[in-house]
């Protein structure tokens, strides 16, 4: 049946635009979180990146800013996970890659709901914590689960990257988890190592999502 002049085809043209918008959310999530966290860490009294985690910025009078940062990041990561599912469809990594990124999004939501414990001088004057509170334990467990899921997501997403001809990206996606885990292991020496490891994971997720966004935008 012939289409009338001036009519617009329904459905197919809208899906790519929605997918690109969702993927852009995934691209922005990590960098926005890190920029907002760094800006707060440089301006909040008593905070030091060598002894305090970005999560602790949710404490104190200005803590609502970091809580909002967690919530916004969770929403953007969830959008990115949906975008990855649409972009990869039923291909390699099309199921578990997005699911694992969704777990990371859920961990950021949990971080907003369950605050980290005070300690190591933050908020200003807080003594070193001697035990974990229930909220602090929930915050730590959810964070560990989220970043382990992110490491697994990189291994899964290496498949579709290689299948699309991005072999260098695929190799890097298999190596980045080692850097993330090394940062976590080094956190016993300095919290900065943990922050750098987590930051590496978030930045690489943004890069991988951007790479796949380019594929969707220019098939």
N, C-alpha and C. Protein backbone atom coordinates (compact mmCIF):
# COMPACT_ATOMS: atom_id res chain seq x y z
N UNK A 1 0.86 -1.20 0.00
CA UNK A 1 0.00 0.00 0.00
C UNK A 1 0.89 1.24 0.00
N UNK A 2 0.67 2.15 -0.90
CA UNK A 2 1.51 3.32 -1.05
C UNK A 2 1.30 4.29 0.10
N UNK A 3 2.38 4.92 0.54
CA UNK A 3 2.29 5.90 1.60
C UNK A 3 1.97 7.26 1.01
N UNK A 4 1.03 7.97 1.63
CA UNK A 4 0.64 9.29 1.15
C UNK A 4 1.78 10.28 1.30
N UNK A 5 1.85 11.20 0.35
CA UNK A 5 2.90 12.22 0.40
C UNK A 5 2.76 13.04 1.67
N UNK A 6 3.92 13.26 2.34
CA UNK A 6 3.92 14.08 3.54
C UNK A 6 3.67 13.31 4.81
N UNK A 7 3.27 12.01 4.68
CA UNK A 7 3.03 11.23 5.89
C UNK A 7 4.35 10.77 6.48
N UNK A 8 4.35 10.46 7.75
CA UNK A 8 5.56 10.06 8.47
C UNK A 8 5.45 8.60 8.88
N UNK A 9 6.44 7.76 8.58
CA UNK A 9 6.37 6.38 8.99
C UNK A 9 6.40 6.27 10.50
N UNK A 10 5.56 5.40 11.04
CA UNK A 10 5.45 5.28 12.50
C UNK A 10 6.39 4.19 13.01
N UNK A 11 6.90 4.40 14.22
CA UNK A 11 7.62 3.36 14.93
C UNK A 11 9.11 3.28 14.66
N UNK A 12 9.54 2.71 13.51
CA UNK A 12 10.95 2.42 13.32
C UNK A 12 11.86 3.62 13.46
N UNK A 13 11.45 4.82 13.01
CA UNK A 13 12.34 5.98 13.09
C UNK A 13 12.46 6.49 14.52
N UNK A 14 11.50 6.18 15.37
CA UNK A 14 11.52 6.69 16.73
C UNK A 14 12.44 5.87 17.63
N UNK A 15 12.55 4.58 17.42
CA UNK A 15 13.34 3.71 18.28
C UNK A 15 14.82 4.10 18.33
N UNK A 16 15.49 4.35 17.21
CA UNK A 16 16.89 4.75 17.27
C UNK A 16 17.11 6.03 18.07
N UNK A 17 16.22 7.00 17.95
CA UNK A 17 16.37 8.25 18.70
C UNK A 17 16.25 7.98 20.19
N UNK A 18 15.31 7.14 20.58
CA UNK A 18 15.15 6.80 21.99
C UNK A 18 16.37 6.06 22.50
N UNK A 19 16.89 5.16 21.70
CA UNK A 19 18.07 4.40 22.10
C UNK A 19 19.27 5.31 22.28
N UNK A 20 19.45 6.24 21.36
CA UNK A 20 20.57 7.17 21.46
C UNK A 20 20.45 8.05 22.71
N UNK A 21 19.23 8.48 23.03
CA UNK A 21 19.02 9.32 24.21
C UNK A 21 19.36 8.54 25.48
N UNK A 22 18.93 7.29 25.54
CA UNK A 22 19.22 6.46 26.71
C UNK A 22 20.72 6.22 26.85
N UNK A 23 21.38 5.95 25.74
CA UNK A 23 22.82 5.72 25.78
C UNK A 23 23.57 6.98 26.21
N UNK A 24 23.09 8.13 25.80
CA UNK A 24 23.74 9.38 26.22
C UNK A 24 23.67 9.53 27.74
N UNK A 25 22.56 9.07 28.33
CA UNK A 25 22.47 9.08 29.78
C UNK A 25 23.57 8.24 30.40
N UNK A 26 23.81 7.05 29.80
CA UNK A 26 24.88 6.19 30.29
C UNK A 26 26.26 6.80 30.13
N UNK A 27 26.45 7.57 29.07
CA UNK A 27 27.74 8.24 28.84
C UNK A 27 27.98 9.31 29.91
N UNK A 28 26.94 10.04 30.27
CA UNK A 28 27.08 11.16 31.20
C UNK A 28 27.20 10.71 32.66
N UNK A 29 26.68 9.54 33.00
CA UNK A 29 26.56 9.13 34.40
C UNK A 29 27.87 9.21 35.17
N UNK A 30 28.87 8.45 34.74
CA UNK A 30 30.12 8.40 35.47
C UNK A 30 30.84 9.73 35.56
N UNK A 31 31.07 10.42 34.42
CA UNK A 31 31.76 11.70 34.48
C UNK A 31 31.06 12.74 35.37
N UNK A 32 29.73 12.83 35.29
CA UNK A 32 29.01 13.78 36.14
C UNK A 32 29.19 13.46 37.61
N UNK A 33 29.12 12.17 37.94
CA UNK A 33 29.29 11.75 39.33
C UNK A 33 30.68 12.14 39.84
N UNK A 34 31.69 11.88 39.04
CA UNK A 34 33.06 12.15 39.46
C UNK A 34 33.34 13.65 39.56
N UNK A 35 32.84 14.42 38.61
CA UNK A 35 33.04 15.87 38.64
C UNK A 35 32.36 16.47 39.87
N UNK A 36 31.10 16.06 40.13
CA UNK A 36 30.38 16.58 41.28
C UNK A 36 31.05 16.17 42.58
N UNK A 37 31.51 14.92 42.65
CA UNK A 37 32.18 14.45 43.85
C UNK A 37 33.51 15.16 44.09
N UNK A 38 34.28 15.36 43.02
CA UNK A 38 35.56 16.05 43.15
C UNK A 38 35.37 17.49 43.59
N UNK A 39 34.40 18.17 43.00
CA UNK A 39 34.13 19.56 43.37
C UNK A 39 33.75 19.67 44.85
N UNK A 40 32.93 18.76 45.32
CA UNK A 40 32.55 18.79 46.73
C UNK A 40 33.74 18.48 47.64
N UNK A 41 34.53 17.47 47.23
CA UNK A 41 35.67 17.08 48.05
C UNK A 41 36.69 18.19 48.22
N UNK A 42 36.80 19.04 47.20
CA UNK A 42 37.77 20.13 47.25
C UNK A 42 37.27 21.32 48.07
N UNK A 43 35.98 21.35 48.35
CA UNK A 43 35.40 22.52 49.02
C UNK A 43 34.81 22.23 50.40
N UNK A 44 34.60 20.95 50.73
CA UNK A 44 34.00 20.62 52.03
C UNK A 44 35.07 20.58 53.12
N UNK A 45 34.79 21.25 54.23
CA UNK A 45 35.73 21.34 55.36
C UNK A 45 35.95 19.97 55.98
N UNK A 46 37.22 19.59 56.13
CA UNK A 46 37.57 18.33 56.78
C UNK A 46 37.71 17.15 55.84
N UNK A 47 37.32 17.31 54.58
CA UNK A 47 37.39 16.20 53.64
C UNK A 47 38.76 16.15 52.97
N UNK A 48 39.32 14.93 52.87
CA UNK A 48 40.60 14.72 52.19
C UNK A 48 40.50 13.43 51.39
N UNK A 49 40.86 13.49 50.12
CA UNK A 49 40.72 12.31 49.25
C UNK A 49 41.63 11.16 49.67
N UNK A 50 42.68 11.46 50.44
CA UNK A 50 43.57 10.39 50.87
C UNK A 50 43.02 9.58 52.03
N UNK A 51 42.02 10.12 52.73
CA UNK A 51 41.48 9.37 53.87
C UNK A 51 39.95 9.24 53.85
N UNK A 52 39.28 9.98 52.97
CA UNK A 52 37.82 9.93 52.93
C UNK A 52 37.32 9.48 51.57
N UNK A 53 36.24 8.70 51.58
CA UNK A 53 35.60 8.26 50.35
C UNK A 53 34.57 9.28 49.91
N UNK A 54 34.35 9.36 48.61
CA UNK A 54 33.35 10.30 48.07
C UNK A 54 31.98 10.06 48.70
N UNK A 55 31.68 8.80 49.04
CA UNK A 55 30.39 8.49 49.64
C UNK A 55 30.13 9.29 50.91
N UNK A 56 31.18 9.61 51.66
CA UNK A 56 31.01 10.32 52.92
C UNK A 56 30.53 11.76 52.72
N UNK A 57 30.62 12.24 51.50
CA UNK A 57 30.14 13.60 51.23
C UNK A 57 28.63 13.72 51.44
N UNK A 58 27.93 12.59 51.53
CA UNK A 58 26.49 12.63 51.78
C UNK A 58 26.18 12.95 53.24
N UNK A 59 27.21 13.09 54.07
CA UNK A 59 27.03 13.41 55.48
C UNK A 59 27.14 14.92 55.70
N UNK A 60 26.59 15.39 56.77
CA UNK A 60 26.70 16.80 57.12
C UNK A 60 25.60 17.65 56.49
N UNK A 61 25.67 18.96 56.74
CA UNK A 61 24.62 19.86 56.29
C UNK A 61 24.47 19.91 54.78
N UNK A 62 25.58 19.83 54.07
CA UNK A 62 25.52 19.87 52.60
C UNK A 62 25.45 18.48 51.98
N UNK A 63 25.18 17.48 52.81
CA UNK A 63 25.16 16.11 52.32
C UNK A 63 24.10 15.82 51.27
N UNK A 64 23.06 16.65 51.24
CA UNK A 64 21.98 16.44 50.26
C UNK A 64 22.50 16.53 48.83
N UNK A 65 23.59 17.29 48.64
CA UNK A 65 24.13 17.43 47.28
C UNK A 65 24.66 16.08 46.78
N UNK A 66 25.41 15.39 47.64
CA UNK A 66 25.94 14.09 47.24
C UNK A 66 24.83 13.05 47.14
N UNK A 67 23.83 13.13 48.00
CA UNK A 67 22.69 12.22 47.89
C UNK A 67 22.00 12.40 46.54
N UNK A 68 21.80 13.66 46.15
CA UNK A 68 21.22 13.93 44.83
C UNK A 68 22.14 13.42 43.72
N UNK A 69 23.44 13.52 43.93
CA UNK A 69 24.41 13.02 42.95
C UNK A 69 24.27 11.51 42.78
N UNK A 70 24.09 10.81 43.90
CA UNK A 70 23.87 9.35 43.83
C UNK A 70 22.59 9.04 43.05
N UNK A 71 21.52 9.75 43.36
CA UNK A 71 20.23 9.48 42.72
C UNK A 71 20.27 9.77 41.23
N UNK A 72 20.87 10.90 40.85
CA UNK A 72 20.97 11.25 39.43
C UNK A 72 21.82 10.22 38.69
N UNK A 73 22.92 9.81 39.30
CA UNK A 73 23.79 8.82 38.65
C UNK A 73 23.07 7.49 38.49
N UNK A 74 22.30 7.09 39.51
CA UNK A 74 21.53 5.85 39.42
C UNK A 74 20.55 5.91 38.26
N UNK A 75 19.87 7.04 38.10
CA UNK A 75 18.90 7.18 37.01
C UNK A 75 19.59 7.15 35.65
N UNK A 76 20.72 7.83 35.52
CA UNK A 76 21.43 7.85 34.25
C UNK A 76 22.02 6.48 33.90
N UNK A 77 22.52 5.77 34.91
CA UNK A 77 23.04 4.42 34.67
C UNK A 77 21.91 3.47 34.25
N UNK A 78 20.75 3.61 34.89
CA UNK A 78 19.61 2.77 34.51
C UNK A 78 19.20 3.06 33.06
N UNK A 79 19.20 4.34 32.69
CA UNK A 79 18.89 4.70 31.30
C UNK A 79 19.93 4.09 30.36
N UNK A 80 21.19 4.17 30.74
CA UNK A 80 22.24 3.58 29.92
C UNK A 80 22.09 2.08 29.77
N UNK A 81 21.68 1.41 30.84
CA UNK A 81 21.48 -0.04 30.78
C UNK A 81 20.37 -0.39 29.78
N UNK A 82 19.28 0.37 29.82
CA UNK A 82 18.19 0.14 28.87
C UNK A 82 18.66 0.43 27.45
N UNK A 83 19.44 1.50 27.30
CA UNK A 83 19.97 1.82 25.98
C UNK A 83 20.88 0.74 25.44
N UNK A 84 21.71 0.16 26.30
CA UNK A 84 22.59 -0.94 25.88
C UNK A 84 21.76 -2.14 25.44
N UNK A 85 20.69 -2.42 26.18
CA UNK A 85 19.83 -3.55 25.80
C UNK A 85 19.23 -3.34 24.43
N UNK A 86 18.79 -2.12 24.16
CA UNK A 86 18.19 -1.83 22.85
C UNK A 86 19.23 -1.85 21.75
N UNK A 87 20.43 -1.34 22.05
CA UNK A 87 21.47 -1.27 21.03
C UNK A 87 22.02 -2.65 20.68
N UNK A 88 22.19 -3.50 21.70
CA UNK A 88 22.77 -4.82 21.47
C UNK A 88 21.73 -5.86 21.08
N UNK A 89 20.49 -5.63 21.48
CA UNK A 89 19.38 -6.52 21.15
C UNK A 89 19.70 -7.95 21.56
N UNK A 90 19.59 -8.88 20.61
CA UNK A 90 19.81 -10.28 20.95
C UNK A 90 21.23 -10.75 20.61
N UNK A 91 22.11 -9.80 20.32
CA UNK A 91 23.48 -10.16 19.98
C UNK A 91 24.29 -10.50 21.21
N UNK A 92 25.59 -10.70 20.99
CA UNK A 92 26.50 -11.05 22.08
C UNK A 92 26.46 -9.99 23.17
N UNK A 93 26.28 -10.43 24.41
CA UNK A 93 26.26 -9.50 25.53
C UNK A 93 24.99 -8.70 25.66
N UNK A 94 24.01 -8.95 24.80
CA UNK A 94 22.81 -8.14 24.79
C UNK A 94 21.92 -8.32 26.00
N UNK A 95 22.10 -9.40 26.74
CA UNK A 95 21.29 -9.63 27.94
C UNK A 95 22.06 -9.31 29.20
N UNK A 96 23.19 -10.00 29.39
CA UNK A 96 23.90 -9.86 30.66
C UNK A 96 24.65 -8.54 30.80
N UNK A 97 25.15 -7.98 29.71
CA UNK A 97 25.82 -6.69 29.81
C UNK A 97 24.92 -5.63 30.41
N UNK A 98 23.74 -5.39 29.83
CA UNK A 98 22.82 -4.41 30.40
C UNK A 98 22.35 -4.76 31.81
N UNK A 99 22.13 -6.06 32.08
CA UNK A 99 21.69 -6.45 33.43
C UNK A 99 22.74 -6.07 34.46
N UNK A 100 24.00 -6.33 34.17
CA UNK A 100 25.07 -6.02 35.11
C UNK A 100 25.23 -4.52 35.31
N UNK A 101 25.05 -3.74 34.25
CA UNK A 101 25.08 -2.29 34.40
C UNK A 101 23.87 -1.84 35.24
N UNK A 102 22.75 -2.53 35.09
CA UNK A 102 21.59 -2.24 35.92
C UNK A 102 21.85 -2.50 37.39
N UNK A 103 22.64 -3.54 37.69
CA UNK A 103 23.02 -3.81 39.08
C UNK A 103 23.85 -2.65 39.63
N UNK A 104 24.75 -2.11 38.81
CA UNK A 104 25.53 -0.94 39.23
C UNK A 104 24.59 0.23 39.52
N UNK A 105 23.60 0.45 38.67
CA UNK A 105 22.63 1.53 38.90
C UNK A 105 21.91 1.33 40.23
N UNK A 106 21.52 0.09 40.52
CA UNK A 106 20.83 -0.20 41.78
C UNK A 106 21.74 0.07 42.97
N UNK A 107 23.04 -0.18 42.82
CA UNK A 107 23.98 0.06 43.92
C UNK A 107 24.09 1.56 44.22
N UNK A 108 23.99 2.40 43.20
CA UNK A 108 24.02 3.84 43.44
C UNK A 108 22.73 4.31 44.12
N UNK A 109 21.62 3.68 43.77
CA UNK A 109 20.38 4.00 44.47
C UNK A 109 20.49 3.61 45.94
N UNK A 110 21.04 2.43 46.21
CA UNK A 110 21.22 1.98 47.60
C UNK A 110 22.16 2.92 48.35
N UNK A 111 23.19 3.43 47.65
CA UNK A 111 24.12 4.36 48.28
C UNK A 111 23.43 5.64 48.72
N UNK A 112 22.40 6.05 47.97
CA UNK A 112 21.63 7.23 48.35
C UNK A 112 20.73 6.96 49.55
N UNK A 113 20.25 5.73 49.64
CA UNK A 113 19.32 5.37 50.71
C UNK A 113 20.03 5.04 52.02
N UNK A 114 21.23 4.46 51.91
CA UNK A 114 21.98 4.04 53.10
C UNK A 114 23.31 4.79 53.12
N UNK A 115 23.44 5.73 54.04
CA UNK A 115 24.62 6.59 54.08
C UNK A 115 25.83 5.86 54.64
N UNK A 116 27.00 6.24 54.15
CA UNK A 116 28.25 5.73 54.70
C UNK A 116 28.44 6.28 56.11
N UNK A 117 29.27 5.62 56.88
CA UNK A 117 29.53 6.07 58.25
C UNK A 117 30.49 7.25 58.26
N UNK A 118 30.34 8.10 59.26
CA UNK A 118 31.30 9.19 59.48
C UNK A 118 32.61 8.59 59.97
N UNK A 119 33.68 9.34 59.81
CA UNK A 119 34.97 8.86 60.30
C UNK A 119 36.13 9.51 59.57
N UNK A 120 37.32 9.28 60.09
CA UNK A 120 38.55 9.81 59.48
C UNK A 120 38.48 11.32 59.29
N UNK A 121 37.89 12.00 60.27
CA UNK A 121 37.87 13.46 60.24
C UNK A 121 36.75 14.09 59.45
N UNK A 122 35.82 13.27 58.90
CA UNK A 122 34.72 13.85 58.15
C UNK A 122 33.40 13.20 58.54
N UNK A 123 32.35 14.05 58.77
CA UNK A 123 32.37 15.50 58.78
C UNK A 123 33.42 16.06 59.75
N UNK A 124 33.75 17.31 59.56
CA UNK A 124 34.88 17.92 60.27
C UNK A 124 34.85 17.56 61.76
N UNK A 125 35.95 16.97 62.22
CA UNK A 125 36.08 16.62 63.63
C UNK A 125 35.59 15.24 63.98
N UNK A 126 35.03 14.50 63.04
CA UNK A 126 34.52 13.15 63.34
C UNK A 126 35.68 12.22 63.66
N UNK A 127 35.57 11.42 64.72
CA UNK A 127 36.65 10.48 65.07
C UNK A 127 36.65 9.28 64.13
N UNK A 128 37.70 8.49 64.17
CA UNK A 128 37.75 7.27 63.37
C UNK A 128 36.66 6.32 63.82
N UNK A 129 35.97 5.72 62.84
CA UNK A 129 34.90 4.78 63.16
C UNK A 129 35.51 3.48 63.69
N UNK A 130 34.91 2.94 64.73
CA UNK A 130 35.40 1.69 65.31
C UNK A 130 34.55 0.49 64.92
N UNK A 131 33.36 0.76 64.39
CA UNK A 131 32.48 -0.33 63.95
C UNK A 131 31.54 0.20 62.88
N UNK A 132 30.96 -0.73 62.11
CA UNK A 132 30.03 -0.36 61.05
C UNK A 132 28.60 -0.31 61.59
N UNK A 133 27.88 0.75 61.20
CA UNK A 133 26.46 0.79 61.50
C UNK A 133 25.72 -0.06 60.48
N UNK A 134 24.42 -0.28 60.69
CA UNK A 134 23.63 -1.05 59.74
C UNK A 134 23.60 -0.35 58.39
N UNK A 135 23.41 0.97 58.40
CA UNK A 135 23.40 1.72 57.14
C UNK A 135 24.77 1.68 56.47
N UNK A 136 25.81 1.83 57.27
CA UNK A 136 27.16 1.79 56.72
C UNK A 136 27.48 0.45 56.08
N UNK A 137 27.03 -0.64 56.72
CA UNK A 137 27.26 -1.97 56.16
C UNK A 137 26.49 -2.15 54.86
N UNK A 138 25.23 -1.70 54.83
CA UNK A 138 24.43 -1.80 53.61
C UNK A 138 25.06 -1.00 52.48
N UNK A 139 25.58 0.17 52.83
CA UNK A 139 26.23 1.01 51.83
C UNK A 139 27.46 0.32 51.26
N UNK A 140 28.27 -0.26 52.12
CA UNK A 140 29.50 -0.91 51.68
C UNK A 140 29.21 -2.15 50.84
N UNK A 141 28.26 -2.97 51.28
CA UNK A 141 27.93 -4.21 50.55
C UNK A 141 27.36 -3.89 49.18
N UNK A 142 26.46 -2.91 49.12
CA UNK A 142 25.87 -2.56 47.82
C UNK A 142 26.92 -2.00 46.88
N UNK A 143 27.85 -1.22 47.42
CA UNK A 143 28.91 -0.67 46.58
C UNK A 143 29.81 -1.76 46.03
N UNK A 144 30.17 -2.72 46.88
CA UNK A 144 31.00 -3.84 46.42
C UNK A 144 30.30 -4.63 45.33
N UNK A 145 29.01 -4.91 45.56
CA UNK A 145 28.23 -5.67 44.57
C UNK A 145 28.14 -4.91 43.25
N UNK A 146 27.95 -3.59 43.34
CA UNK A 146 27.82 -2.79 42.12
C UNK A 146 29.09 -2.78 41.29
N UNK A 147 30.22 -2.61 41.94
CA UNK A 147 31.47 -2.54 41.18
C UNK A 147 31.95 -3.90 40.70
N UNK A 148 31.64 -4.96 41.44
CA UNK A 148 31.93 -6.30 40.93
C UNK A 148 31.07 -6.58 39.69
N UNK A 149 29.81 -6.13 39.74
CA UNK A 149 28.94 -6.29 38.56
C UNK A 149 29.49 -5.49 37.39
N UNK A 150 30.05 -4.30 37.66
CA UNK A 150 30.62 -3.49 36.59
C UNK A 150 31.81 -4.20 35.95
N UNK A 151 32.67 -4.78 36.79
CA UNK A 151 33.82 -5.53 36.26
C UNK A 151 33.34 -6.67 35.36
N UNK A 152 32.30 -7.38 35.83
CA UNK A 152 31.75 -8.47 35.02
C UNK A 152 31.14 -7.94 33.73
N UNK A 153 30.51 -6.77 33.80
CA UNK A 153 29.91 -6.17 32.61
C UNK A 153 30.96 -5.88 31.54
N UNK A 154 32.12 -5.41 31.97
CA UNK A 154 33.19 -5.14 30.99
C UNK A 154 33.61 -6.42 30.27
N UNK A 155 33.71 -7.52 31.01
CA UNK A 155 34.10 -8.79 30.39
C UNK A 155 33.03 -9.24 29.40
N UNK A 156 31.76 -9.03 29.75
CA UNK A 156 30.68 -9.42 28.85
C UNK A 156 30.63 -8.52 27.62
N UNK A 157 30.80 -7.21 27.82
CA UNK A 157 30.70 -6.26 26.71
C UNK A 157 31.90 -6.34 25.77
N UNK A 158 32.98 -6.99 26.21
CA UNK A 158 34.11 -7.19 25.31
C UNK A 158 33.69 -8.00 24.09
N UNK A 159 32.71 -8.89 24.26
CA UNK A 159 32.21 -9.71 23.15
C UNK A 159 31.61 -8.89 22.03
N UNK A 160 30.58 -8.07 22.32
CA UNK A 160 29.99 -7.26 21.25
C UNK A 160 30.96 -6.22 20.68
N UNK A 161 31.90 -5.73 21.49
CA UNK A 161 32.88 -4.80 20.96
C UNK A 161 33.76 -5.48 19.92
N UNK A 162 34.22 -6.69 20.24
CA UNK A 162 35.05 -7.44 19.29
C UNK A 162 34.25 -7.80 18.05
N UNK A 163 32.97 -8.18 18.23
CA UNK A 163 32.14 -8.57 17.10
C UNK A 163 31.91 -7.41 16.15
N UNK A 164 31.96 -6.17 16.66
CA UNK A 164 31.76 -4.99 15.82
C UNK A 164 33.08 -4.46 15.26
N UNK A 165 34.16 -5.19 15.49
CA UNK A 165 35.45 -4.79 14.93
C UNK A 165 36.30 -3.92 15.83
N UNK A 166 35.84 -3.65 17.05
CA UNK A 166 36.58 -2.80 17.99
C UNK A 166 37.47 -3.67 18.87
N UNK A 167 38.47 -4.28 18.29
CA UNK A 167 39.26 -5.27 19.02
C UNK A 167 40.09 -4.64 20.13
N UNK A 168 40.62 -3.45 19.88
CA UNK A 168 41.36 -2.75 20.93
C UNK A 168 40.49 -2.44 22.14
N UNK A 169 39.26 -2.01 21.87
CA UNK A 169 38.31 -1.75 22.95
C UNK A 169 37.99 -3.03 23.71
N UNK A 170 37.87 -4.13 22.99
CA UNK A 170 37.56 -5.40 23.64
C UNK A 170 38.69 -5.83 24.57
N UNK A 171 39.92 -5.68 24.11
CA UNK A 171 41.07 -6.03 24.96
C UNK A 171 41.10 -5.15 26.20
N UNK A 172 40.90 -3.85 26.02
CA UNK A 172 40.91 -2.92 27.15
C UNK A 172 39.80 -3.26 28.15
N UNK A 173 38.64 -3.68 27.64
CA UNK A 173 37.52 -4.02 28.52
C UNK A 173 37.82 -5.25 29.36
N UNK A 174 38.72 -6.07 28.89
CA UNK A 174 39.13 -7.23 29.68
C UNK A 174 40.22 -6.88 30.69
N UNK A 175 40.92 -5.78 30.46
CA UNK A 175 42.01 -5.37 31.34
C UNK A 175 41.57 -4.38 32.42
N UNK A 176 40.61 -3.51 32.10
CA UNK A 176 40.17 -2.48 33.04
C UNK A 176 39.71 -3.07 34.38
N UNK A 177 38.98 -4.21 34.40
CA UNK A 177 38.61 -4.77 35.70
C UNK A 177 39.80 -5.02 36.62
N UNK A 178 40.95 -5.34 36.05
CA UNK A 178 42.14 -5.54 36.87
C UNK A 178 42.54 -4.25 37.57
N UNK A 179 42.43 -3.13 36.86
CA UNK A 179 42.74 -1.84 37.46
C UNK A 179 41.74 -1.47 38.54
N UNK A 180 40.46 -1.76 38.30
CA UNK A 180 39.43 -1.46 39.31
C UNK A 180 39.69 -2.27 40.57
N UNK A 181 39.94 -3.56 40.41
CA UNK A 181 40.17 -4.43 41.57
C UNK A 181 41.48 -4.08 42.28
N UNK A 182 42.49 -3.65 41.51
CA UNK A 182 43.75 -3.23 42.13
C UNK A 182 43.53 -2.00 43.01
N UNK A 183 42.68 -1.10 42.55
CA UNK A 183 42.36 0.08 43.35
C UNK A 183 41.67 -0.30 44.65
N UNK A 184 40.77 -1.25 44.56
CA UNK A 184 40.08 -1.70 45.77
C UNK A 184 41.05 -2.35 46.74
N UNK A 185 41.97 -3.16 46.20
CA UNK A 185 42.96 -3.83 47.05
C UNK A 185 43.88 -2.82 47.72
N UNK A 186 44.17 -1.72 47.03
CA UNK A 186 45.05 -0.69 47.59
C UNK A 186 44.38 0.23 48.58
N UNK A 187 43.07 0.06 48.77
CA UNK A 187 42.35 0.96 49.67
C UNK A 187 42.79 0.79 51.12
N UNK A 188 43.42 -0.35 51.44
CA UNK A 188 43.91 -0.55 52.81
C UNK A 188 45.07 0.41 53.12
N UNK A 189 45.77 0.85 52.07
CA UNK A 189 46.87 1.79 52.24
C UNK A 189 46.38 3.23 52.19
N UNK A 190 45.48 3.52 51.24
CA UNK A 190 44.92 4.86 51.11
C UNK A 190 43.57 4.78 50.42
N UNK A 191 42.62 5.54 50.91
CA UNK A 191 41.28 5.55 50.31
C UNK A 191 41.34 6.08 48.88
N UNK A 192 42.35 6.88 48.58
CA UNK A 192 42.49 7.43 47.24
C UNK A 192 42.60 6.31 46.20
N UNK A 193 43.23 5.19 46.56
CA UNK A 193 43.35 4.07 45.63
C UNK A 193 41.97 3.53 45.27
N UNK A 194 41.09 3.42 46.24
CA UNK A 194 39.72 2.98 45.99
C UNK A 194 39.00 3.95 45.07
N UNK A 195 39.15 5.24 45.35
CA UNK A 195 38.49 6.27 44.53
C UNK A 195 38.97 6.21 43.09
N UNK A 196 40.28 6.03 42.91
CA UNK A 196 40.83 5.96 41.56
C UNK A 196 40.35 4.70 40.83
N UNK A 197 40.28 3.57 41.55
CA UNK A 197 39.79 2.34 40.93
C UNK A 197 38.34 2.46 40.51
N UNK A 198 37.51 3.01 41.41
CA UNK A 198 36.10 3.19 41.09
C UNK A 198 35.94 4.20 39.95
N UNK A 199 36.75 5.26 39.98
CA UNK A 199 36.69 6.26 38.91
C UNK A 199 37.07 5.68 37.56
N UNK A 200 38.09 4.82 37.56
CA UNK A 200 38.49 4.16 36.32
C UNK A 200 37.32 3.36 35.74
N UNK A 201 36.61 2.63 36.59
CA UNK A 201 35.47 1.84 36.11
C UNK A 201 34.38 2.71 35.53
N UNK A 202 34.06 3.81 36.19
CA UNK A 202 32.99 4.69 35.71
C UNK A 202 33.37 5.37 34.40
N UNK A 203 34.63 5.80 34.30
CA UNK A 203 35.08 6.46 33.07
C UNK A 203 35.09 5.48 31.90
N UNK A 204 35.54 4.24 32.15
CA UNK A 204 35.57 3.27 31.05
C UNK A 204 34.16 2.87 30.62
N UNK A 205 33.23 2.78 31.57
CA UNK A 205 31.85 2.49 31.19
C UNK A 205 31.32 3.59 30.29
N UNK A 206 31.63 4.85 30.62
CA UNK A 206 31.20 5.97 29.78
C UNK A 206 31.81 5.86 28.39
N UNK A 207 33.09 5.46 28.32
CA UNK A 207 33.77 5.34 27.03
C UNK A 207 33.17 4.22 26.19
N UNK A 208 32.92 3.07 26.80
CA UNK A 208 32.34 1.93 26.07
C UNK A 208 30.94 2.28 25.58
N UNK A 209 30.15 2.92 26.44
CA UNK A 209 28.80 3.31 26.04
C UNK A 209 28.86 4.31 24.88
N UNK A 210 29.81 5.24 24.94
CA UNK A 210 29.96 6.21 23.85
C UNK A 210 30.36 5.51 22.55
N UNK A 211 31.22 4.51 22.65
CA UNK A 211 31.63 3.76 21.46
C UNK A 211 30.43 3.05 20.82
N UNK A 212 29.60 2.44 21.64
CA UNK A 212 28.41 1.77 21.12
C UNK A 212 27.38 2.77 20.63
N UNK A 213 27.32 3.94 21.27
CA UNK A 213 26.43 5.01 20.80
C UNK A 213 26.81 5.45 19.40
N UNK A 214 28.11 5.54 19.14
CA UNK A 214 28.58 5.92 17.81
C UNK A 214 28.15 4.88 16.79
N UNK A 215 28.21 3.60 17.15
CA UNK A 215 27.77 2.54 16.24
C UNK A 215 26.29 2.68 15.91
N UNK A 216 25.50 3.00 16.93
CA UNK A 216 24.05 3.15 16.73
C UNK A 216 23.75 4.39 15.88
N UNK A 217 24.53 5.45 16.10
CA UNK A 217 24.28 6.70 15.38
C UNK A 217 24.73 6.62 13.92
N UNK A 218 25.78 5.83 13.67
CA UNK A 218 26.31 5.71 12.31
C UNK A 218 26.51 4.24 11.96
N UNK A 219 25.41 3.51 11.75
CA UNK A 219 25.51 2.08 11.45
C UNK A 219 26.23 1.83 10.15
